[in-house]
């Protein structure tokens, strides 16, 4: 192998300013800035509105829900607090 890659380590330097981030994402796609749903008005997002920023209802929705309502955890396999954990595997010596 000869030499080094041009522009190597470019992503290690922090962007620091919103303007640099703006120009970075302007060349790519419309994914910046990302505004949270709870920060929006209720006409703009199902999580919007209220006197303080909270979703206000469960964020899980069915898979067959209408298109405008599908935000949050879509067709979640599991909801609620995860209790317990994986049981420890004990060897033959530790069993007694």
N, C-alpha and C. Protein backbone atom coordinates (compact mmCIF):
# COMPACT_ATOMS: atom_id res chain seq x y z
N UNK A 1 0.83 -1.18 0.00
CA UNK A 1 0.00 0.00 0.00
C UNK A 1 0.89 1.25 0.00
N UNK A 2 0.47 2.23 -0.75
CA UNK A 2 1.26 3.46 -0.86
C UNK A 2 0.43 4.64 -0.36
N UNK A 3 1.03 5.47 0.50
CA UNK A 3 0.38 6.71 0.91
C UNK A 3 -0.76 6.51 1.89
N UNK A 4 -1.55 7.59 2.03
CA UNK A 4 -2.69 7.57 2.95
C UNK A 4 -3.94 8.04 2.20
N UNK A 5 -5.08 7.77 2.77
CA UNK A 5 -6.35 8.14 2.16
C UNK A 5 -6.53 9.65 2.25
N UNK A 6 -6.98 10.27 1.16
CA UNK A 6 -7.23 11.71 1.16
C UNK A 6 -8.43 12.01 2.04
N UNK A 7 -8.29 12.99 2.90
CA UNK A 7 -9.40 13.39 3.77
C UNK A 7 -9.63 12.44 4.92
N UNK A 8 -8.67 11.62 5.24
CA UNK A 8 -8.82 10.69 6.35
C UNK A 8 -8.90 11.43 7.68
N UNK A 9 -9.80 11.04 8.54
CA UNK A 9 -9.98 11.69 9.84
C UNK A 9 -10.82 12.95 9.78
N UNK A 10 -11.46 13.20 8.65
CA UNK A 10 -12.27 14.41 8.49
C UNK A 10 -13.43 14.43 9.48
N UNK A 11 -14.01 13.27 9.74
CA UNK A 11 -15.17 13.21 10.63
C UNK A 11 -14.79 13.29 12.11
N UNK A 12 -13.51 13.23 12.43
CA UNK A 12 -13.08 13.31 13.82
C UNK A 12 -13.21 14.72 14.38
N UNK A 13 -13.14 15.72 13.52
CA UNK A 13 -13.23 17.11 13.96
C UNK A 13 -14.70 17.48 14.17
N UNK A 14 -15.05 18.07 15.32
CA UNK A 14 -16.45 18.43 15.56
C UNK A 14 -16.92 19.58 14.67
N UNK A 15 -18.21 19.59 14.35
CA UNK A 15 -18.77 20.63 13.48
C UNK A 15 -18.85 21.98 14.19
N UNK A 16 -19.14 21.99 15.49
CA UNK A 16 -19.16 23.15 16.38
C UNK A 16 -20.28 24.16 16.12
N UNK A 17 -20.62 24.43 14.87
CA UNK A 17 -21.61 25.46 14.59
C UNK A 17 -22.78 24.89 13.80
N UNK A 18 -23.93 25.49 13.97
CA UNK A 18 -25.13 25.05 13.25
C UNK A 18 -24.97 25.30 11.75
N UNK A 19 -24.24 26.33 11.38
CA UNK A 19 -24.05 26.66 9.96
C UNK A 19 -23.30 25.57 9.22
N UNK A 20 -22.30 25.01 9.86
CA UNK A 20 -21.54 23.93 9.22
C UNK A 20 -22.40 22.68 9.07
N UNK A 21 -23.22 22.43 10.07
CA UNK A 21 -24.14 21.30 10.00
C UNK A 21 -25.18 21.54 8.91
N UNK A 22 -25.62 22.78 8.77
CA UNK A 22 -26.59 23.14 7.73
C UNK A 22 -26.04 22.83 6.35
N UNK A 23 -24.82 23.25 6.08
CA UNK A 23 -24.22 23.02 4.77
C UNK A 23 -23.93 21.54 4.53
N UNK A 24 -23.59 20.81 5.59
CA UNK A 24 -23.35 19.38 5.46
C UNK A 24 -24.62 18.66 5.00
N UNK A 25 -25.75 18.93 5.66
CA UNK A 25 -26.99 18.23 5.34
C UNK A 25 -27.69 18.82 4.12
N UNK A 26 -27.35 20.05 3.75
CA UNK A 26 -27.94 20.66 2.55
C UNK A 26 -27.52 19.90 1.31
N UNK A 27 -26.31 19.37 1.32
CA UNK A 27 -25.80 18.62 0.18
C UNK A 27 -26.37 17.20 0.13
N UNK A 28 -26.96 16.75 1.24
CA UNK A 28 -27.42 15.36 1.30
C UNK A 28 -28.92 15.26 1.10
N UNK A 29 -29.69 15.44 2.16
CA UNK A 29 -31.14 15.24 2.08
C UNK A 29 -31.79 16.12 3.14
N UNK A 30 -33.09 16.15 3.12
CA UNK A 30 -33.80 17.02 4.07
C UNK A 30 -33.99 16.31 5.40
N UNK A 31 -32.92 16.14 6.15
CA UNK A 31 -33.00 15.47 7.45
C UNK A 31 -32.49 16.35 8.58
N UNK A 32 -32.31 17.64 8.31
CA UNK A 32 -31.79 18.55 9.33
C UNK A 32 -32.47 19.89 9.19
N UNK A 33 -32.85 20.56 10.25
CA UNK A 33 -32.81 20.13 11.64
C UNK A 33 -33.96 19.19 11.96
N UNK A 34 -33.77 18.33 12.94
CA UNK A 34 -34.82 17.41 13.37
C UNK A 34 -35.57 18.04 14.54
N UNK A 35 -36.83 18.34 14.33
CA UNK A 35 -37.65 18.93 15.38
C UNK A 35 -38.48 17.83 16.02
N UNK A 36 -38.47 17.77 17.34
CA UNK A 36 -39.22 16.74 18.06
C UNK A 36 -40.72 16.98 17.92
N UNK A 37 -41.47 15.90 17.93
CA UNK A 37 -42.92 15.99 17.81
C UNK A 37 -43.56 16.72 18.98
N UNK A 38 -43.01 16.55 20.19
CA UNK A 38 -43.59 17.20 21.37
C UNK A 38 -43.36 18.70 21.35
N UNK A 39 -42.42 19.17 20.54
CA UNK A 39 -42.15 20.60 20.45
C UNK A 39 -43.05 21.29 19.43
N UNK A 40 -43.85 20.50 18.69
CA UNK A 40 -44.70 21.07 17.64
C UNK A 40 -46.09 21.40 18.17
N UNK A 41 -46.88 22.01 17.30
CA UNK A 41 -48.28 22.28 17.60
C UNK A 41 -49.10 21.03 17.31
N UNK A 42 -50.30 20.92 17.90
CA UNK A 42 -51.09 19.71 17.68
C UNK A 42 -51.55 19.51 16.24
N UNK A 43 -51.59 20.57 15.44
CA UNK A 43 -51.99 20.41 14.04
C UNK A 43 -50.85 19.85 13.20
N UNK A 44 -49.62 19.90 13.71
CA UNK A 44 -48.46 19.47 12.94
C UNK A 44 -48.02 18.05 13.26
N UNK A 45 -48.34 17.56 14.47
CA UNK A 45 -47.84 16.25 14.89
C UNK A 45 -48.76 15.69 15.97
N UNK A 46 -48.97 14.37 15.99
CA UNK A 46 -49.81 13.78 17.03
C UNK A 46 -49.29 13.97 18.45
N UNK A 47 -47.99 14.19 18.62
CA UNK A 47 -47.42 14.38 19.95
C UNK A 47 -47.40 15.85 20.36
N UNK A 48 -47.85 16.75 19.51
CA UNK A 48 -47.73 18.17 19.78
C UNK A 48 -48.80 18.70 20.71
N UNK A 49 -48.59 19.93 21.16
CA UNK A 49 -49.57 20.64 21.98
C UNK A 49 -49.41 20.36 23.45
N UNK A 50 -50.25 21.04 24.24
CA UNK A 50 -50.22 20.90 25.69
C UNK A 50 -49.48 22.03 26.34
N UNK A 51 -49.61 22.12 27.66
CA UNK A 51 -48.99 23.20 28.40
C UNK A 51 -47.55 22.91 28.78
N UNK A 52 -47.13 21.68 28.67
CA UNK A 52 -45.71 21.35 28.79
C UNK A 52 -45.42 20.19 27.85
N UNK A 53 -44.15 19.97 27.55
CA UNK A 53 -43.80 19.02 26.50
C UNK A 53 -43.90 17.59 27.01
N UNK A 54 -45.01 16.95 26.66
CA UNK A 54 -45.23 15.55 26.97
C UNK A 54 -46.11 14.97 25.88
N UNK A 55 -46.01 13.67 25.66
CA UNK A 55 -46.79 13.03 24.59
C UNK A 55 -48.26 13.01 24.98
N UNK A 56 -48.57 12.68 26.22
CA UNK A 56 -49.93 12.77 26.70
C UNK A 56 -50.76 11.51 26.55
N UNK A 57 -50.26 10.52 25.84
CA UNK A 57 -50.96 9.25 25.64
C UNK A 57 -49.90 8.23 25.27
N UNK A 58 -50.22 6.94 25.29
CA UNK A 58 -49.21 5.94 24.94
C UNK A 58 -48.67 6.15 23.53
N UNK A 59 -47.37 5.99 23.36
CA UNK A 59 -46.74 6.24 22.06
C UNK A 59 -46.79 5.01 21.15
N UNK A 60 -47.34 3.90 21.64
CA UNK A 60 -47.43 2.70 20.80
C UNK A 60 -48.70 2.77 19.96
N UNK A 61 -48.58 2.44 18.67
CA UNK A 61 -49.73 2.44 17.77
C UNK A 61 -49.78 1.11 17.03
N UNK A 62 -50.97 0.76 16.55
CA UNK A 62 -51.16 -0.49 15.84
C UNK A 62 -50.52 -0.41 14.46
N UNK A 63 -50.26 -1.55 13.89
CA UNK A 63 -49.69 -1.59 12.54
C UNK A 63 -50.70 -1.11 11.51
N UNK A 64 -51.97 -1.35 11.74
CA UNK A 64 -53.00 -0.97 10.78
C UNK A 64 -53.55 0.43 10.98
N UNK A 65 -52.89 1.23 11.80
CA UNK A 65 -53.36 2.58 12.06
C UNK A 65 -53.21 3.44 10.81
N UNK A 66 -54.03 4.49 10.73
CA UNK A 66 -53.97 5.38 9.57
C UNK A 66 -52.62 6.06 9.48
N UNK A 67 -52.29 6.53 8.29
CA UNK A 67 -50.94 7.01 7.99
C UNK A 67 -50.52 8.19 8.85
N UNK A 68 -51.38 9.14 9.12
CA UNK A 68 -50.99 10.32 9.88
C UNK A 68 -50.80 10.07 11.35
N UNK A 69 -51.27 8.94 11.83
CA UNK A 69 -51.20 8.63 13.25
C UNK A 69 -49.98 7.78 13.60
N UNK A 70 -49.30 7.24 12.60
CA UNK A 70 -48.19 6.31 12.83
C UNK A 70 -46.92 7.07 13.21
N UNK A 71 -46.81 7.41 14.47
CA UNK A 71 -45.59 7.99 15.02
C UNK A 71 -45.32 7.31 16.35
N UNK A 72 -44.09 7.27 16.75
CA UNK A 72 -43.75 6.62 18.01
C UNK A 72 -43.36 5.18 17.77
N UNK A 73 -43.80 4.31 18.66
CA UNK A 73 -43.45 2.89 18.58
C UNK A 73 -44.51 2.18 17.74
N UNK A 74 -44.21 1.94 16.47
CA UNK A 74 -45.17 1.34 15.55
C UNK A 74 -45.14 -0.17 15.72
N UNK A 75 -46.29 -0.74 16.03
CA UNK A 75 -46.46 -2.19 16.19
C UNK A 75 -45.38 -2.76 17.11
N UNK A 76 -45.28 -2.21 18.31
CA UNK A 76 -44.26 -2.65 19.26
C UNK A 76 -44.49 -4.09 19.67
N UNK A 77 -43.44 -4.88 19.68
CA UNK A 77 -43.55 -6.27 20.11
C UNK A 77 -43.79 -6.35 21.62
N UNK A 78 -43.19 -5.43 22.35
CA UNK A 78 -43.28 -5.46 23.81
C UNK A 78 -43.40 -4.02 24.30
N UNK A 79 -44.26 -3.80 25.28
CA UNK A 79 -44.39 -2.48 25.87
C UNK A 79 -44.24 -2.59 27.37
N UNK A 80 -44.09 -1.46 28.02
CA UNK A 80 -43.99 -1.44 29.47
C UNK A 80 -42.57 -1.65 29.95
N UNK A 81 -42.47 -1.73 31.27
CA UNK A 81 -41.17 -1.87 31.90
C UNK A 81 -40.67 -3.29 31.74
N UNK A 82 -39.41 -3.44 31.40
CA UNK A 82 -38.82 -4.77 31.25
C UNK A 82 -38.36 -5.24 32.62
N UNK A 83 -38.96 -6.32 33.09
CA UNK A 83 -38.64 -6.83 34.42
C UNK A 83 -37.79 -8.08 34.31
N UNK A 84 -37.00 -8.31 35.33
CA UNK A 84 -36.16 -9.51 35.33
C UNK A 84 -34.99 -9.37 34.38
N UNK A 85 -34.50 -10.46 33.92
CA UNK A 85 -33.38 -10.47 33.00
C UNK A 85 -33.09 -11.88 32.57
N UNK A 86 -31.99 -12.04 31.91
CA UNK A 86 -31.61 -13.38 31.48
C UNK A 86 -31.09 -14.16 32.69
N UNK A 87 -31.56 -15.38 32.89
CA UNK A 87 -31.07 -16.16 34.03
C UNK A 87 -29.61 -16.54 33.84
N UNK A 88 -28.89 -16.55 34.94
CA UNK A 88 -27.47 -16.89 34.88
C UNK A 88 -27.30 -18.38 34.64
N UNK A 89 -26.33 -18.72 33.82
CA UNK A 89 -26.01 -20.12 33.60
C UNK A 89 -24.97 -20.53 34.63
N UNK A 90 -25.31 -21.55 35.41
CA UNK A 90 -24.38 -22.01 36.44
C UNK A 90 -23.74 -23.31 35.99
N UNK A 91 -22.49 -23.44 36.34
CA UNK A 91 -21.78 -24.67 36.03
C UNK A 91 -22.13 -25.78 37.00
N UNK A 92 -21.59 -26.96 36.76
CA UNK A 92 -21.87 -28.10 37.64
C UNK A 92 -21.29 -27.89 39.03
N UNK A 93 -20.15 -27.19 39.12
CA UNK A 93 -19.50 -26.98 40.41
C UNK A 93 -20.25 -25.97 41.27
N UNK A 94 -20.84 -24.96 40.66
CA UNK A 94 -21.49 -23.89 41.41
C UNK A 94 -22.92 -24.23 41.82
N UNK A 95 -23.49 -25.29 41.28
CA UNK A 95 -24.89 -25.62 41.53
C UNK A 95 -25.14 -25.97 43.00
N UNK A 96 -24.14 -26.48 43.69
CA UNK A 96 -24.36 -26.90 45.07
C UNK A 96 -23.83 -25.90 46.05
